[in-house]
C-alpha atoms as a PDB file:
ATOM      1  CA  UNK A   1     106.588 112.080  82.946  1.00  0.00           C
ATOM      2  CA  UNK A   2     108.691 108.893  82.289  1.00  0.00           C
ATOM      3  CA  UNK A   3     107.672 105.963  84.674  1.00  0.00           C
ATOM      4  CA  UNK A   4     109.606 102.525  85.609  1.00  0.00           C
ATOM      5  CA  UNK A   5     107.806  99.521  86.838  1.00  0.00           C
ATOM      6  CA  UNK A   6     110.188  97.931  88.346  1.00  0.00           C
ATOM      7  CA  UNK A   7     108.952  93.827  88.479  1.00  0.00           C
ATOM      8  CA  UNK A   8     111.140  92.126  90.839  1.00  0.00           C
ATOM      9  CA  UNK A   9     111.092  88.694  93.387  1.00  0.00           C
ATOM     10  CA  UNK A  10     111.611  89.583  96.998  1.00  0.00           C
ATOM     11  CA  UNK A  11     113.461  87.039  98.929  1.00  0.00           C
ATOM     12  CA  UNK A  12     113.366  86.541 103.018  1.00  0.00           C
ATOM     13  CA  UNK A  13     117.054  88.994 103.005  1.00  0.00           C
ATOM     14  CA  UNK A  14     116.433  92.575 103.274  1.00  0.00           C
ATOM     15  CA  UNK A  15     119.741  93.140 102.273  1.00  0.00           C
ATOM     16  CA  UNK A  16     119.593  91.122  99.230  1.00  0.00           C
ATOM     17  CA  UNK A  17     116.027  92.810  98.508  1.00  0.00           C
ATOM     18  CA  UNK A  18     117.414  96.331  98.905  1.00  0.00           C
ATOM     19  CA  UNK A  19     120.402  95.419  96.341  1.00  0.00           C
ATOM     20  CA  UNK A  20     117.922  94.400  94.051  1.00  0.00           C
ATOM     21  CA  UNK A  21     115.753  97.691  94.688  1.00  0.00           C
ATOM     22  CA  UNK A  22     118.750  99.476  94.061  1.00  0.00           C
ATOM     23  CA  UNK A  23     119.757  97.723  90.798  1.00  0.00           C
ATOM     24  CA  UNK A  24     116.253  98.149  89.356  1.00  0.00           C
ATOM     25  CA  UNK A  25     116.632 102.440  90.469  1.00  0.00           C
ATOM     26  CA  UNK A  26     119.525 102.388  88.351  1.00  0.00           C
ATOM     27  CA  UNK A  27     118.358 100.956  85.579  1.00  0.00           C
ATOM     28  CA  UNK A  28     115.385 102.890  85.419  1.00  0.00           C
ATOM     29  CA  UNK A  29     117.366 106.053  85.387  1.00  0.00           C
ATOM     30  CA  UNK A  30     118.891 104.721  82.716  1.00  0.00           C
ATOM     31  CA  UNK A  31     115.573 104.255  80.588  1.00  0.00           C
ATOM     32  CA  UNK A  32     115.022 108.142  81.293  1.00  0.00           C
ATOM     33  CA  UNK A  33     112.322 107.478  84.325  1.00  0.00           C
ATOM     34  CA  UNK A  34     111.698 110.177  86.608  1.00  0.00           C
ATOM     35  CA  UNK A  35     109.885 107.883  88.855  1.00  0.00           C
ATOM     36  CA  UNK A  36     110.528 104.198  90.111  1.00  0.00           C
ATOM     37  CA  UNK A  37     107.849 101.977  91.354  1.00  0.00           C
ATOM     38  CA  UNK A  38     108.894  98.559  93.106  1.00  0.00           C
ATOM     39  CA  UNK A  39     106.373  96.115  94.715  1.00  0.00           C
ATOM     40  CA  UNK A  40     104.588  96.008  97.838  1.00  0.00           C
ATOM     41  CA  UNK A  41     107.000  94.015 100.326  1.00  0.00           C
ATOM     42  CA  UNK A  42     110.288  94.848  98.471  1.00  0.00           C
ATOM     43  CA  UNK A  43     111.816  94.912 101.876  1.00  0.00           C
ATOM     44  CA  UNK A  44     110.880  91.470 102.543  1.00  0.00           C
ATOM     45  CA  UNK A  45     108.416  88.899 100.917  1.00  0.00           C
ATOM     46  CA  UNK A  46     105.015  87.371 102.793  1.00  0.00           C
ATOM     47  CA  UNK A  47     105.229  84.545 104.620  1.00  0.00           C
ATOM     48  CA  UNK A  48     108.102  85.212 107.226  1.00  0.00           C
ATOM     49  CA  UNK A  49     107.475  87.130 110.598  1.00  0.00           C
ATOM     50  CA  UNK A  50     107.315  90.425 109.643  1.00  0.00           C
ATOM     51  CA  UNK A  51     108.103  91.965 113.133  1.00  0.00           C
ATOM     52  CA  UNK A  52     111.731  91.343 113.315  1.00  0.00           C
ATOM     53  CA  UNK A  53     112.687  92.843 110.195  1.00  0.00           C
ATOM     54  CA  UNK A  54     110.718  95.722 110.002  1.00  0.00           C
ATOM     55  CA  UNK A  55     112.451  99.261 110.797  1.00  0.00           C
ATOM     56  CA  UNK A  56     111.567 102.528 111.114  1.00  0.00           C
ATOM     57  CA  UNK A  57     111.827 105.300 108.291  1.00  0.00           C
ATOM     58  CA  UNK A  58     114.836 106.769 109.223  1.00  0.00           C
ATOM     59  CA  UNK A  59     116.196 102.862 109.196  1.00  0.00           C
ATOM     60  CA  UNK A  60     118.980 101.382 107.177  1.00  0.00           C
ATOM     61  CA  UNK A  61     116.883  99.807 104.552  1.00  0.00           C
ATOM     62  CA  UNK A  62     114.844 102.965 103.902  1.00  0.00           C
ATOM     63  CA  UNK A  63     118.459 104.897 104.121  1.00  0.00           C
ATOM     64  CA  UNK A  64     119.455 102.702 101.068  1.00  0.00           C
ATOM     65  CA  UNK A  65     116.639 103.483  99.283  1.00  0.00           C
ATOM     66  CA  UNK A  66     117.468 107.476  99.498  1.00  0.00           C
ATOM     67  CA  UNK A  67     120.931 106.847  98.806  1.00  0.00           C
ATOM     68  CA  UNK A  68     120.248 105.155  95.261  1.00  0.00           C
ATOM     69  CA  UNK A  69     117.518 107.869  94.678  1.00  0.00           C
ATOM     70  CA  UNK A  70     119.929 110.878  95.265  1.00  0.00           C
ATOM     71  CA  UNK A  71     122.706 108.718  93.705  1.00  0.00           C
ATOM     72  CA  UNK A  72     120.125 109.090  90.624  1.00  0.00           C
ATOM     73  CA  UNK A  73     118.266 111.763  90.798  1.00  0.00           C
ATOM     74  CA  UNK A  74     115.099 109.320  90.203  1.00  0.00           C
ATOM     75  CA  UNK A  75     112.081 109.670  92.794  1.00  0.00           C
ATOM     76  CA  UNK A  76     111.529 105.735  94.146  1.00  0.00           C
ATOM     77  CA  UNK A  77     108.315 104.071  95.709  1.00  0.00           C
ATOM     78  CA  UNK A  78     108.786 101.086  97.448  1.00  0.00           C
ATOM     79  CA  UNK A  79     107.377  98.226  99.770  1.00  0.00           C
ATOM     80  CA  UNK A  80     108.873  97.657 103.164  1.00  0.00           C
ATOM     81  CA  UNK A  81     107.701  97.091 106.599  1.00  0.00           C
ATOM     82  CA  UNK A  82     107.581  99.564 109.769  1.00  0.00           C
ATOM     83  CA  UNK A  83     106.458  99.413 113.356  1.00  0.00           C
ATOM     84  CA  UNK A  84     103.340 100.351 114.644  1.00  0.00           C
ATOM     85  CA  UNK A  85     102.916 101.166 118.044  1.00  0.00           C
ATOM     86  CA  UNK A  86     100.683  98.090 118.938  1.00  0.00           C
ATOM     87  CA  UNK A  87     103.587  95.475 118.489  1.00  0.00           C
ATOM     88  CA  UNK A  88     102.092  94.619 114.902  1.00  0.00           C
ATOM     89  CA  UNK A  89     104.054  96.128 112.027  1.00  0.00           C
ATOM     90  CA  UNK A  90     102.627  98.945 108.887  1.00  0.00           C
ATOM     91  CA  UNK A  91     102.635  97.949 105.560  1.00  0.00           C
ATOM     92  CA  UNK A  92     104.455 100.562 104.074  1.00  0.00           C
ATOM     93  CA  UNK A  93     105.286 103.031 101.030  1.00  0.00           C
ATOM     94  CA  UNK A  94     108.113 104.638 101.376  1.00  0.00           C
ATOM     95  CA  UNK A  95     108.492 107.375  98.605  1.00  0.00           C
ATOM     96  CA  UNK A  96     111.546 109.351  98.470  1.00  0.00           C
ATOM     97  CA  UNK A  97     113.460 111.111  95.841  1.00  0.00           C
ATOM     98  CA  UNK A  98     113.841 115.018  94.800  1.00  0.00           C
ATOM     99  CA  UNK A  99     111.603 117.054  96.878  1.00  0.00           C
ATOM    100  CA  UNK A 100     109.920 114.384  98.128  1.00  0.00           C
ATOM    101  CA  UNK A 101     109.846 112.975 101.394  1.00  0.00           C
ATOM    102  CA  UNK A 102     106.721 110.777 102.064  1.00  0.00           C
ATOM    103  CA  UNK A 103     105.339 107.598 103.053  1.00  0.00           C
ATOM    104  CA  UNK A 104     101.991 105.700 103.159  1.00  0.00           C
ATOM    105  CA  UNK A 105     100.679 103.235 105.532  1.00  0.00           C
ATOM    106  CA  UNK A 106      98.418 100.399 103.451  1.00  0.00           C
ATOM    107  CA  UNK A 107      94.742 101.481 104.338  1.00  0.00           C
ATOM    108  CA  UNK A 108      93.001  97.851 103.500  1.00  0.00           C
ATOM    109  CA  UNK A 109      94.417  95.133 104.730  1.00  0.00           C
ATOM    110  CA  UNK A 110      94.468  91.595 103.083  1.00  0.00           C
ATOM    111  CA  UNK A 111      91.704  89.490 105.129  1.00  0.00           C
ATOM    112  CA  UNK A 112      90.241  87.405 102.111  1.00  0.00           C
ATOM    113  CA  UNK A 113      90.604  84.000 100.131  1.00  0.00           C
ATOM    114  CA  UNK A 114      91.770  82.648 103.730  1.00  0.00           C
ATOM    115  CA  UNK A 115      94.991  85.114 104.658  1.00  0.00           C
ATOM    116  CA  UNK A 116      94.771  87.464 107.546  1.00  0.00           C
ATOM    117  CA  UNK A 117      97.077  90.308 106.810  1.00  0.00           C
ATOM    118  CA  UNK A 118      95.489  92.023 109.845  1.00  0.00           C
ATOM    119  CA  UNK A 119      96.788  89.633 111.909  1.00  0.00           C
ATOM    120  CA  UNK A 120     100.028  90.809 111.985  1.00  0.00           C
ATOM    121  CA  UNK A 121      99.557  94.479 110.479  1.00  0.00           C
ATOM    122  CA  UNK A 122      97.949  97.324 111.538  1.00  0.00           C
ATOM    123  CA  UNK A 123      95.896  99.161 109.094  1.00  0.00           C
ATOM    124  CA  UNK A 124      97.163 102.607 107.829  1.00  0.00           C
ATOM    125  CA  UNK A 125      94.077 105.580 107.576  1.00  0.00           C
ATOM    126  CA  UNK A 126      95.868 108.520 105.735  1.00  0.00           C
ATOM    127  CA  UNK A 127      95.129 109.261 101.840  1.00  0.00           C
ATOM    128  CA  UNK A 128      99.065 110.136 100.422  1.00  0.00           C
ATOM    129  CA  UNK A 129      99.219 111.857  97.291  1.00  0.00           C
ATOM    130  CA  UNK A 130     103.159 113.060  96.507  1.00  0.00           C
ATOM    131  CA  UNK A 131     104.642 115.684  93.490  1.00  0.00           C
ATOM    132  CA  UNK A 132     107.146 114.167  91.382  1.00  0.00           C
ATOM    133  CA  UNK A 133     108.108 116.694  88.631  1.00  0.00           C
ATOM    134  CA  UNK A 134     105.400 118.909  88.951  1.00  0.00           C
ATOM    135  CA  UNK A 135     102.733 115.367  88.713  1.00  0.00           C
ATOM    136  CA  UNK A 136     100.441 114.795  91.483  1.00  0.00           C
ATOM    137  CA  UNK A 137     100.731 110.882  92.257  1.00  0.00           C
ATOM    138  CA  UNK A 138      98.573 109.002  94.485  1.00  0.00           C
ATOM    139  CA  UNK A 139      99.952 106.134  96.341  1.00  0.00           C
ATOM    140  CA  UNK A 140      98.316 102.799  96.859  1.00  0.00           C
ATOM    141  CA  UNK A 141      99.085  99.008  98.080  1.00  0.00           C
ATOM    142  CA  UNK A 142      97.573  95.730  96.798  1.00  0.00           C
ATOM    143  CA  UNK A 143      94.031  95.320  97.939  1.00  0.00           C
ATOM    144  CA  UNK A 144      93.279  98.640  98.245  1.00  0.00           C
ATOM    145  CA  UNK A 145      92.778  97.809  94.555  1.00  0.00           C
ATOM    146  CA  UNK A 146      89.183  96.433  95.387  1.00  0.00           C
ATOM    147  CA  UNK A 147      88.200  99.933  96.940  1.00  0.00           C
ATOM    148  CA  UNK A 148      87.683 102.700  94.161  1.00  0.00           C
ATOM    149  CA  UNK A 149      87.143 105.513  96.861  1.00  0.00           C
ATOM    150  CA  UNK A 150      90.604 105.834  97.564  1.00  0.00           C
ATOM    151  CA  UNK A 151      91.845 106.061  93.850  1.00  0.00           C
ATOM    152  CA  UNK A 152      88.478 108.686  93.697  1.00  0.00           C
ATOM    153  CA  UNK A 153      90.228 110.335  96.589  1.00  0.00           C
ATOM    154  CA  UNK A 154      93.516 110.924  94.498  1.00  0.00           C
ATOM    155  CA  UNK A 155      91.920 112.680  91.969  1.00  0.00           C
ATOM    156  CA  UNK A 156      90.195 115.055  94.323  1.00  0.00           C
ATOM    157  CA  UNK A 157      93.472 115.486  95.644  1.00  0.00           C
ATOM    158  CA  UNK A 158      94.664 116.742  92.482  1.00  0.00           C
ATOM    159  CA  UNK A 159      96.159 113.660  91.143  1.00  0.00           C
ATOM    160  CA  UNK A 160      96.473 112.847  87.690  1.00  0.00           C
ATOM    161  CA  UNK A 161      98.656 109.920  88.436  1.00  0.00           C
ATOM    162  CA  UNK A 162      98.274 106.463  90.956  1.00  0.00           C
ATOM    163  CA  UNK A 163     100.789 103.904  91.542  1.00  0.00           C
ATOM    164  CA  UNK A 164      99.850 101.037  93.320  1.00  0.00           C
ATOM    165  CA  UNK A 165     102.836  98.213  94.089  1.00  0.00           C
ATOM    166  CA  UNK A 166     101.692  94.952  95.241  1.00  0.00           C
ATOM    167  CA  UNK A 167     102.176  91.701  95.979  1.00  0.00           C
ATOM    168  CA  UNK A 168      99.004  89.952  94.381  1.00  0.00           C
ATOM    169  CA  UNK A 169      98.137  86.260  95.533  1.00  0.00           C
ATOM    170  CA  UNK A 170      97.784  83.602  93.580  1.00  0.00           C
ATOM    171  CA  UNK A 171      94.781  81.153  93.008  1.00  0.00           C
ATOM    172  CA  UNK A 172      91.898  80.452  90.776  1.00  0.00           C
ATOM    173  CA  UNK A 173      90.225  83.752  88.582  1.00  0.00           C
ATOM    174  CA  UNK A 174      93.031  85.953  91.002  1.00  0.00           C
ATOM    175  CA  UNK A 175      95.266  87.045  87.592  1.00  0.00           C
ATOM    176  CA  UNK A 176      91.775  87.973  85.784  1.00  0.00           C
ATOM    177  CA  UNK A 177      90.593  90.122  88.827  1.00  0.00           C
ATOM    178  CA  UNK A 178      93.703  92.100  88.540  1.00  0.00           C
ATOM    179  CA  UNK A 179      93.770  92.345  85.170  1.00  0.00           C
ATOM    180  CA  UNK A 180      89.995  93.718  85.265  1.00  0.00           C
ATOM    181  CA  UNK A 181      90.543  95.437  88.509  1.00  0.00           C
ATOM    182  CA  UNK A 182      93.538  97.608  87.431  1.00  0.00           C
ATOM    183  CA  UNK A 183      91.580  98.755  84.318  1.00  0.00           C
ATOM    184  CA  UNK A 184      88.521  99.411  86.846  1.00  0.00           C
ATOM    185  CA  UNK A 185      90.643 101.830  88.605  1.00  0.00           C
ATOM    186  CA  UNK A 186      92.214 103.383  86.609  1.00  0.00           C
ATOM    187  CA  UNK A 187      88.651 104.153  84.814  1.00  0.00           C
ATOM    188  CA  UNK A 188      86.876 104.745  87.884  1.00  0.00           C
ATOM    189  CA  UNK A 189      89.224 107.860  88.968  1.00  0.00           C
ATOM    190  CA  UNK A 190      90.134 108.492  85.187  1.00  0.00           C
ATOM    191  CA  UNK A 191      93.781 108.313  86.305  1.00  0.00           C
ATOM    192  CA  UNK A 192      96.989 106.606  84.695  1.00  0.00           C
ATOM    193  CA  UNK A 193      97.699 103.672  86.872  1.00  0.00           C
ATOM    194  CA  UNK A 194     101.152 101.859  87.409  1.00  0.00           C
ATOM    195  CA  UNK A 195     100.222  98.697  88.805  1.00  0.00           C
ATOM    196  CA  UNK A 196     103.369  97.091  90.077  1.00  0.00           C
ATOM    197  CA  UNK A 197     103.450  93.525  91.385  1.00  0.00           C
ATOM    198  CA  UNK A 198     105.757  90.955  92.698  1.00  0.00           C
ATOM    199  CA  UNK A 199     107.316  88.695  90.242  1.00  0.00           C
ATOM    200  CA  UNK A 200     105.869  84.899  90.605  1.00  0.00           C
ATOM    201  CA  UNK A 201     108.509  83.158  91.928  1.00  0.00           C
ATOM    202  CA  UNK A 202     108.171  80.331  89.862  1.00  0.00           C
ATOM    203  CA  UNK A 203     106.897  82.563  86.526  1.00  0.00           C
ATOM    204  CA  UNK A 204     106.508  78.479  84.842  1.00  0.00           C
ATOM    205  CA  UNK A 205     103.921  77.873  87.765  1.00  0.00           C
ATOM    206  CA  UNK A 206     100.079  78.024  86.916  1.00  0.00           C
ATOM    207  CA  UNK A 207      98.867  81.056  88.613  1.00  0.00           C
ATOM    208  CA  UNK A 208      95.453  79.554  89.236  1.00  0.00           C
ATOM    209  CA  UNK A 209      97.140  77.546  91.736  1.00  0.00           C
ATOM    210  CA  UNK A 210      96.896  79.335  95.614  1.00  0.00           C
ATOM    211  CA  UNK A 211      99.546  79.839  97.736  1.00  0.00           C
ATOM    212  CA  UNK A 212      99.533  80.178 101.297  1.00  0.00           C
ATOM    213  CA  UNK A 213     101.264  83.495 101.189  1.00  0.00           C
ATOM    214  CA  UNK A 214     100.386  86.132  98.738  1.00  0.00           C
ATOM    215  CA  UNK A 215     103.843  85.761  97.325  1.00  0.00           C
ATOM    216  CA  UNK A 216     102.994  87.402  93.601  1.00  0.00           C
ATOM    217  CA  UNK A 217     101.566  86.733  89.806  1.00  0.00           C
ATOM    218  CA  UNK A 218     103.936  89.493  88.095  1.00  0.00           C
ATOM    219  CA  UNK A 219     102.116  91.012  84.880  1.00  0.00           C
ATOM    220  CA  UNK A 220     102.552  94.622  86.078  1.00  0.00           C
ATOM    221  CA  UNK A 221     100.832  97.764  83.888  1.00  0.00           C
ATOM    222  CA  UNK A 222     100.400 100.635  82.731  1.00  0.00           C
ATOM    223  CA  UNK A 223      96.883 101.566  82.595  1.00  0.00           C
ATOM    224  CA  UNK A 224      95.382 104.799  80.784  1.00  0.00           C
ATOM    225  CA  UNK A 225      93.229 107.220  82.206  1.00  0.00           C
ATOM    226  CA  UNK A 226      90.591 105.766  79.676  1.00  0.00           C
ATOM    227  CA  UNK A 227      91.207 102.290  81.015  1.00  0.00           C
ATOM    228  CA  UNK A 228      93.283 100.901  78.430  1.00  0.00           C
ATOM    229  CA  UNK A 229      96.480  98.917  78.870  1.00  0.00           C
ATOM    230  CA  UNK A 230      99.299 100.756  77.330  1.00  0.00           C
ATOM    231  CA  UNK A 231     101.767  98.350  78.632  1.00  0.00           C
ATOM    232  CA  UNK A 232     102.312  94.996  80.571  1.00  0.00           C
ATOM    233  CA  UNK A 233     105.161  92.593  82.006  1.00  0.00           C
ATOM    234  CA  UNK A 234     104.312  88.981  82.119  1.00  0.00           C
ATOM    235  CA  UNK A 235     105.111  86.482  84.970  1.00  0.00           C
ATOM    236  CA  UNK A 236     108.607  86.637  85.318  1.00  0.00           C
ATOM    237  CA  UNK A 237     111.288  89.744  86.910  1.00  0.00           C
ATOM    238  CA  UNK A 238     111.273  92.826  84.622  1.00  0.00           C
ATOM    239  CA  UNK A 239     111.544  96.580  84.370  1.00  0.00           C
ATOM    240  CA  UNK A 240     108.932  98.621  82.094  1.00  0.00           C
ATOM    241  CA  UNK A 241     109.518 102.062  81.233  1.00  0.00           C
ATOM    242  CA  UNK A 242     106.935 104.087  79.540  1.00  0.00           C
ATOM    243  CA  UNK A 243     105.621 107.813  79.431  1.00  0.00           C
ATOM    244  CA  UNK A 244     102.507 109.550  80.967  1.00  0.00           C
ATOM    245  CA  UNK A 245     100.807 112.157  79.030  1.00  0.00           C
ATOM    246  CA  UNK A 246      99.104 113.812  82.067  1.00  0.00           C
ATOM    247  CA  UNK A 247      97.460 116.073  79.577  1.00  0.00           C
ATOM    248  CA  UNK A 248      95.654 112.951  78.631  1.00  0.00           C
ATOM    249  CA  UNK A 249      93.598 112.462  81.873  1.00  0.00           C
ATOM    250  CA  UNK A 250      92.306 116.440  81.489  1.00  0.00           C
ATOM    251  CA  UNK A 251      91.134 115.408  78.244  1.00  0.00           C
ATOM    252  CA  UNK A 252      89.588 112.439  79.257  1.00  0.00           C
ATOM    253  CA  UNK A 253      88.075 113.855  82.001  1.00  0.00           C
ATOM    254  CA  UNK A 254      86.330 116.258  79.901  1.00  0.00           C
ATOM    255  CA  UNK A 255      85.057 113.419  77.575  1.00  0.00           C
ATOM    256  CA  UNK A 256      83.860 111.207  80.644  1.00  0.00           C
ATOM    257  CA  UNK A 257      83.046 113.773  83.510  1.00  0.00           C
ATOM    258  CA  UNK A 258      82.383 110.704  86.450  1.00  0.00           C
ATOM    259  CA  UNK A 259      84.267 112.606  88.953  1.00  0.00           C
ATOM    260  CA  UNK A 260      81.862 116.032  88.260  1.00  0.00           C
ATOM    261  CA  UNK A 261      79.219 114.036  87.610  1.00  0.00           C
ATOM    262  CA  UNK A 262      78.889 112.228  90.679  1.00  0.00           C
ATOM    263  CA  UNK A 263      76.185 112.174  92.869  1.00  0.00           C
ATOM    264  CA  UNK A 264      76.828 109.992  95.898  1.00  0.00           C
END
């Protein structure tokens, strides 16, 4: 399966961001991708009030994503915000494409490094996988990366690939942690991991300098099930299309049977 990692910088305008998402999906289709993965908060970046821009899954923003998916035949996973029952919002991944209509609400909220996502975002509770062209794909979002149990749950549900849209916060050691964790989670669960972050708002800025909100550092990457980096972007916006060999997942699992050998 060919996957496109679509790294962009979201603005505060959902309409502009929808146009950028649609452009990326069309580029992904031109690259022969079956699955296009876009960042967390593709609908609108963090750092603005999310309640006024949140929309239901049958709202115009999600319908705009569905429209380009139908146009291209590409399955799309993109981050948006949906209303939650308690007045907060959910940090939602929309997954839509041929035979696919699903959503995932971020389970682990980013209450870390001085930021409190849970003040405005309600946590999800459901592990979600989708099937794209016969390949099972698990869905996770950003801070979920620090919790290996979720990726093992994807594998237990039959996934050979996990996707991780993100808007990773800058700060001391954060980029190094990103690089370490994306490799570790692929190896923990012996899955391919497509980790797609927001591009850095200023690609020339120092990623070690903390920002008030997690607006992205880029460095999206495709990691093999053996934990090796197969392809990677830099800090700036870009699109990377690469092939995933799901048979490699089976070979790695035979060689390193960490899922079968678990005791706890």
